[in-house]
Amino acid sequence: MQQLAAVQAMLESAASARRIHGIDLKIKSGLHWIAFMQALESRPADAPRVEILKVTAMCTGAVEPVRATGEWLTGFAKSKGLNFCFKIVRVEDVLDVRGEMFGVDQGREAVMVYSEHAFVAMIGRPDRMETLMRVVRGLNPQLMVVTETEANNNSPQFSARFVDTLFHYGAVFDSVDACMGADDESRTFMEGGIMGRMISNIVAREGEERVIRGVKLDVWRAFFRRFEMVERRLGPVAWQQARLVHETAPNGEFCTVERDGKAMVIGWKGTPLVSVSTWKFFRSARLVNGSKHLRIEFE
């Protein structure tokens, strides 16, 4: 659901673009880019033809899964007759990231930054977060879409962290139980291989060893505003798609879709789980109709 909302936001921002460059800060399956390609295919007949779609994936871990995702995306794009280019930016540490690594053709392509759970592991390492944000700003993206865990398990107090983790991941496990079979191998890997390690890290580790540090949307807002970013409102189509999934998906009645300011918060049985927000860097401002009524336009 959150991926559909993110894809729609990028699609609307690139509505008139012929050359599109997606920067993915933490690519996994790449399913959102499949949805994006399908959406490009269904553009109105009078919309500009997309000359090329480039996706550049940043990677700090194993490169083979990212390469496999790239091959899958390349094959899908070929089946659709879409001119597509996939590139991997591999660095050992986020501190080593440089803007020129992404090969952005400034002024000739619409740059979209897609961040799905890319920042949560950097909360305890602010130097990495600030390095990455400076690089992203230098890429001059038309839009940045951010999907992050909507939790509050960054407390220095063990008891508060434990209680929030209990409620948050209790809802996550309940949603997995409702949506996946008990003998599903993906469920086993998700529960034990991913969520189990995350819970252990949140509850049992301290200091730099505690990598996973979920925070609420308002914390992310304060952080992004430090880098002169302006939050954009998710469009009505994104909300329609999210509600359609909510109404038609199996067990969708237990899923909640709520508005938090300009952003979307998706939850399970009333417990917030993930947020989707869209951002644009503040470039300049000018006063319009400067006599009686003042309006500031952002460029």
Protein backbone atom coordinates (compact mmCIF):
# COMPACT_ATOMS: atom_id res chain seq x y z
CA MET A 1 0.00 0.00 0.00
CA GLN A 2 2.74 2.46 0.96
CA GLN A 3 4.63 1.64 -2.24
CA LEU A 4 1.60 2.46 -4.38
CA ALA A 5 1.29 5.85 -2.70
CA ALA A 6 5.00 6.51 -3.21
CA VAL A 7 4.87 5.49 -6.86
CA GLN A 8 1.89 7.74 -7.51
CA ALA A 9 3.69 10.71 -5.94
CA MET A 10 6.72 10.16 -8.18
CA LEU A 11 4.53 9.66 -11.23
CA GLU A 12 2.75 12.97 -10.66
CA SER A 13 6.02 14.81 -10.10
CA ALA A 14 7.46 13.41 -13.35
CA ALA A 15 4.27 13.87 -15.37
CA SER A 16 5.93 16.00 -18.07
CA ALA A 17 9.42 14.47 -17.94
CA ARG A 18 10.99 12.65 -20.88
CA ARG A 19 14.09 11.53 -18.99
CA ILE A 20 13.61 10.20 -15.46
CA HIS A 21 16.31 9.21 -13.00
CA GLY A 22 15.30 7.35 -9.85
CA ILE A 23 17.79 7.27 -6.97
CA ASP A 24 17.00 4.38 -4.64
CA LEU A 25 18.74 4.71 -1.27
CA LYS A 26 18.01 1.14 -0.12
CA ILE A 27 16.59 -1.05 -2.83
CA LYS A 28 15.19 -4.47 -1.98
CA SER A 29 12.84 -6.32 -4.31
CA GLY A 30 12.42 -3.30 -6.60
CA LEU A 31 8.69 -3.97 -6.85
CA HIS A 32 7.93 -0.26 -6.65
CA TRP A 33 9.94 0.34 -9.85
CA ILE A 34 7.91 -2.37 -11.59
CA ALA A 35 4.75 -0.49 -10.56
CA PHE A 36 6.33 2.77 -11.74
CA MET A 37 7.10 1.29 -15.19
CA GLN A 38 3.56 -0.02 -15.49
CA ALA A 39 2.23 3.42 -14.59
CA LEU A 40 4.47 5.05 -17.21
CA GLU A 41 3.07 2.63 -19.78
CA SER A 42 -0.47 3.79 -19.02
CA ARG A 43 0.31 7.50 -19.37
CA PRO A 44 -2.26 9.50 -21.38
CA ALA A 45 -1.69 9.55 -25.11
CA ASP A 46 -0.94 13.28 -25.06
CA ALA A 47 1.73 12.92 -22.35
CA PRO A 48 5.41 13.18 -23.38
CA ARG A 49 7.04 9.90 -24.38
CA VAL A 50 9.60 8.68 -21.84
CA GLU A 51 12.96 8.51 -23.60
CA ILE A 52 14.76 6.75 -20.76
CA LEU A 53 14.23 5.61 -17.18
CA LYS A 54 17.39 5.29 -15.12
CA VAL A 55 17.48 3.71 -11.66
CA THR A 56 20.60 4.08 -9.53
CA ALA A 57 20.68 1.97 -6.37
CA MET A 58 22.92 2.83 -3.45
CA CYS A 59 24.35 -0.18 -1.65
CA THR A 60 26.50 -0.55 1.47
CA GLY A 61 26.08 -4.30 1.93
CA ALA A 62 26.10 -7.37 -0.29
CA VAL A 63 25.94 -6.36 -3.93
CA GLU A 64 24.62 -9.63 -5.41
CA PRO A 65 20.97 -9.19 -4.26
CA VAL A 66 20.99 -5.66 -5.68
CA ARG A 67 22.44 -6.91 -8.96
CA ALA A 68 19.72 -9.59 -9.14
CA THR A 69 17.06 -6.92 -8.61
CA GLY A 70 18.61 -4.86 -11.38
CA GLU A 71 18.54 -7.80 -13.78
CA TRP A 72 14.87 -8.40 -12.97
CA LEU A 73 14.00 -4.75 -13.56
CA THR A 74 15.99 -4.68 -16.78
CA GLY A 75 14.16 -7.74 -18.08
CA PHE A 76 10.77 -6.28 -17.20
CA ALA A 77 11.61 -2.95 -18.87
CA LYS A 78 12.71 -4.78 -22.01
CA SER A 79 9.40 -6.65 -22.12
CA LYS A 80 7.63 -3.28 -22.06
CA GLY A 81 9.85 -1.73 -24.71
CA LEU A 82 11.11 0.86 -22.24
CA ASN A 83 14.62 2.26 -22.57
CA PHE A 84 16.04 1.44 -19.14
CA CYS A 85 19.38 1.72 -17.36
CA PHE A 86 20.25 0.25 -13.95
CA LYS A 87 23.35 1.23 -12.01
CA ILE A 88 24.72 0.31 -8.58
CA VAL A 89 26.63 2.74 -6.37
CA ARG A 90 28.51 0.50 -3.93
CA VAL A 91 30.27 2.06 -0.93
CA GLU A 92 31.60 0.52 2.26
CA ASP A 93 30.30 3.39 4.37
CA VAL A 94 27.72 6.13 3.79
CA LEU A 95 30.46 8.61 4.67
CA ASP A 96 32.12 7.65 1.37
CA VAL A 97 29.11 8.60 -0.81
CA ARG A 98 29.71 11.40 -3.31
CA GLY A 99 27.18 13.04 -5.58
CA GLU A 100 29.14 12.42 -8.78
CA MET A 101 28.83 8.65 -8.23
CA PHE A 102 25.16 8.76 -9.26
CA GLY A 103 25.81 10.16 -12.73
CA VAL A 104 22.96 12.65 -12.65
CA ASP A 105 22.61 14.67 -15.84
CA GLN A 106 21.68 17.97 -14.22
CA GLY A 107 19.04 19.96 -16.06
CA ARG A 108 18.23 17.18 -18.53
CA GLU A 109 16.47 14.61 -16.33
CA ALA A 110 13.88 14.60 -13.57
CA VAL A 111 15.52 13.16 -10.47
CA MET A 112 13.37 11.27 -7.96
CA VAL A 113 14.85 10.02 -4.68
CA TYR A 114 13.15 6.97 -3.19
CA SER A 115 13.96 6.16 0.42
CA GLU A 116 12.28 3.13 2.00
CA HIS A 117 13.61 2.45 5.51
CA ALA A 118 16.97 3.90 4.51
CA PHE A 119 17.36 6.39 7.36
CA VAL A 120 16.18 4.39 10.38
CA ALA A 121 19.52 2.62 10.80
CA MET A 122 21.36 5.97 10.75
CA ILE A 123 19.55 7.68 13.62
CA GLY A 124 22.31 6.67 16.04
CA ARG A 125 24.93 7.79 13.49
CA PRO A 126 24.00 11.39 12.65
CA ASP A 127 27.21 11.98 10.69
CA ARG A 128 26.03 9.38 8.15
CA MET A 129 22.57 10.91 7.92
CA GLU A 130 23.93 14.38 7.37
CA THR A 131 26.45 13.18 4.77
CA LEU A 132 23.72 11.41 2.82
CA MET A 133 21.36 14.38 2.99
CA ARG A 134 24.05 16.76 1.71
CA VAL A 135 24.66 14.42 -1.22
CA VAL A 136 20.92 14.11 -1.94
CA ARG A 137 20.51 17.88 -1.86
CA GLY A 138 23.34 18.23 -4.36
CA LEU A 139 21.51 15.91 -6.77
CA ASN A 140 18.74 18.54 -6.96
CA PRO A 141 15.85 16.05 -6.91
CA GLN A 142 12.44 17.05 -8.13
CA LEU A 143 10.95 14.99 -5.29
CA MET A 144 12.05 12.77 -2.43
CA VAL A 145 9.68 10.09 -1.18
CA VAL A 146 10.34 8.79 2.33
CA THR A 147 8.81 5.66 3.83
CA GLU A 148 9.81 4.96 7.43
CA THR A 149 8.70 2.90 10.39
CA GLU A 150 6.22 4.82 12.54
CA ALA A 151 7.51 3.81 15.98
CA ASN A 152 9.03 5.35 19.08
CA ASN A 153 11.64 2.85 20.22
CA ASN A 154 14.62 5.19 20.44
CA SER A 155 14.25 5.89 24.16
CA PRO A 156 17.40 5.58 26.29
CA GLN A 157 15.23 3.93 28.95
CA PHE A 158 14.94 0.18 28.54
CA SER A 159 11.41 -0.06 29.94
CA ALA A 160 9.96 2.55 27.55
CA ARG A 161 11.78 1.00 24.60
CA PHE A 162 10.56 -2.48 25.54
CA VAL A 163 6.91 -1.44 25.84
CA ASP A 164 6.86 0.43 22.54
CA THR A 165 8.61 -2.45 20.77
CA LEU A 166 6.10 -4.90 22.27
CA PHE A 167 3.09 -2.97 20.93
CA HIS A 168 4.63 -2.10 17.56
CA TYR A 169 5.96 -5.53 16.66
CA GLY A 170 2.95 -7.21 18.23
CA ALA A 171 0.86 -5.47 15.56
CA VAL A 172 3.39 -6.39 12.86
CA PHE A 173 3.34 -10.08 13.83
CA ASP A 174 -0.45 -10.03 13.99
CA SER A 175 -0.65 -8.61 10.46
CA VAL A 176 1.79 -11.24 9.19
CA ASP A 177 -0.25 -13.99 10.84
CA ALA A 178 -3.42 -12.72 9.18
CA CYS A 179 -1.90 -12.33 5.71
CA MET A 180 0.55 -15.23 5.38
CA GLY A 181 0.21 -18.98 5.93
CA ALA A 182 1.97 -20.67 8.83
CA ASP A 183 4.11 -22.80 6.46
CA ASP A 184 5.08 -19.90 4.18
CA GLU A 185 8.89 -19.81 3.88
CA SER A 186 8.84 -16.06 3.37
CA ARG A 187 6.98 -15.69 6.67
CA THR A 188 9.57 -17.81 8.50
CA PHE A 189 12.39 -15.69 7.09
CA MET A 190 10.55 -12.44 7.85
CA GLU A 191 9.68 -13.33 11.44
CA GLY A 192 12.93 -14.98 12.47
CA GLY A 193 15.49 -13.65 10.05
CA ILE A 194 14.43 -10.03 9.88
CA MET A 195 12.04 -8.98 12.64
CA GLY A 196 13.64 -11.20 15.26
CA ARG A 197 17.03 -9.58 14.71
CA MET A 198 15.49 -6.11 14.70
CA ILE A 199 13.69 -6.66 18.00
CA SER A 200 16.83 -8.07 19.58
CA ASN A 201 18.83 -5.08 18.44
CA ILE A 202 16.27 -2.55 19.72
CA VAL A 203 15.78 -4.16 23.13
CA ALA A 204 19.10 -5.79 23.98
CA ARG A 205 21.71 -3.41 22.55
CA GLU A 206 22.96 -0.03 23.70
CA GLY A 207 25.16 2.71 22.30
CA GLU A 208 26.51 2.25 18.78
CA GLU A 209 25.49 -1.41 18.82
CA ARG A 210 21.82 -0.39 18.82
CA VAL A 211 21.37 0.31 15.13
CA ILE A 212 17.56 0.14 14.77
CA ARG A 213 16.01 3.26 16.32
CA GLY A 214 12.45 3.91 15.18
CA VAL A 215 11.06 7.43 15.59
CA LYS A 216 7.78 9.16 14.81
CA LEU A 217 6.98 11.22 11.73
CA ASP A 218 7.37 14.53 13.57
CA VAL A 219 11.00 13.68 14.32
CA TRP A 220 11.66 13.09 10.62
CA ARG A 221 9.93 16.38 9.81
CA ALA A 222 12.23 18.26 12.16
CA PHE A 223 15.27 16.55 10.65
CA PHE A 224 14.36 17.22 7.02
CA ARG A 225 13.53 20.85 7.74
CA ARG A 226 17.09 21.30 8.96
CA PHE A 227 18.11 20.69 5.36
CA GLU A 228 15.63 23.28 4.04
CA MET A 229 13.12 20.77 2.78
CA VAL A 230 9.46 21.53 2.25
CA GLU A 231 6.91 18.78 2.82
CA ARG A 232 4.57 18.21 -0.11
CA ARG A 233 1.01 16.98 0.17
CA LEU A 234 0.21 13.51 -1.16
CA GLY A 235 -2.23 13.86 -4.02
CA PRO A 236 -5.82 12.54 -4.07
CA VAL A 237 -4.98 9.64 -6.41
CA ALA A 238 -2.44 8.28 -3.92
CA TRP A 239 -5.14 8.31 -1.25
CA GLN A 240 -7.64 6.67 -3.58
CA GLN A 241 -5.22 3.85 -4.37
CA ALA A 242 -4.41 3.29 -0.71
CA ARG A 243 -8.09 3.17 0.22
CA LEU A 244 -8.80 0.80 -2.67
CA VAL A 245 -6.25 -1.65 -1.29
CA HIS A 246 -7.70 -1.10 2.17
CA GLU A 247 -11.19 -1.95 0.94
CA THR A 248 -10.44 -4.87 -1.40
CA ALA A 249 -7.38 -6.70 -0.02
CA PRO A 250 -7.86 -9.81 2.14
CA ASN A 251 -8.02 -8.70 5.80
CA GLY A 252 -7.92 -5.12 4.53
CA GLU A 253 -10.59 -4.17 7.07
CA PHE A 254 -7.93 -4.44 9.79
CA CYS A 255 -5.62 -2.03 7.99
CA THR A 256 -5.86 1.68 8.82
CA VAL A 257 -5.00 4.54 6.47
CA GLU A 258 -4.84 7.91 8.17
CA ARG A 259 -3.76 11.42 7.30
CA ASP A 260 -1.04 13.05 9.38
CA GLY A 261 -0.71 16.57 8.06
CA LYS A 262 0.43 16.16 4.46
CA ALA A 263 1.59 12.57 4.96
CA MET A 264 0.02 9.13 5.10
CA VAL A 265 0.27 6.78 8.08
CA ILE A 266 -0.61 3.11 7.58
CA GLY A 267 -1.36 0.89 10.54
CA TRP A 268 -2.85 -2.39 11.69
CA LYS A 269 -5.90 -2.43 13.96
CA GLY A 270 -5.20 1.14 15.01
CA THR A 271 -1.47 0.76 15.69
CA PRO A 272 0.61 3.00 13.35
CA LEU A 273 3.26 0.99 11.52
CA VAL A 274 4.66 3.03 8.64
CA SER A 275 4.54 6.58 7.27
CA VAL A 276 4.83 7.90 3.72
CA SER A 277 5.83 11.51 3.18
CA THR A 278 7.05 13.49 0.17
CA TRP A 279 9.58 16.30 0.19
CA LYS A 280 11.13 18.93 -2.02
CA PHE A 281 14.22 21.00 -1.33
CA PHE A 282 13.64 24.68 -0.76
CA ARG A 283 15.53 26.53 -3.49
CA SER A 284 14.33 30.08 -3.44
CA ALA A 285 11.28 32.13 -2.59
CA ARG A 286 9.73 35.20 -4.11
CA LEU A 287 6.83 37.43 -3.20
CA VAL A 288 3.93 37.42 -5.66
CA ASN A 289 1.46 40.31 -6.05
CA GLY A 290 3.37 42.24 -3.48
CA SER A 291 0.77 44.88 -2.75
CA LYS A 292 -2.12 43.86 -0.57
CA HIS A 293 -1.90 40.08 -0.62
CA LEU A 294 1.41 38.34 -0.22
CA ARG A 295 2.10 34.81 -1.34
CA ILE A 296 5.39 32.95 -1.21
CA GLU A 297 6.18 30.61 -4.09
CA PHE A 298 8.83 27.91 -3.74
CA GLU A 299 10.94 27.01 -6.74
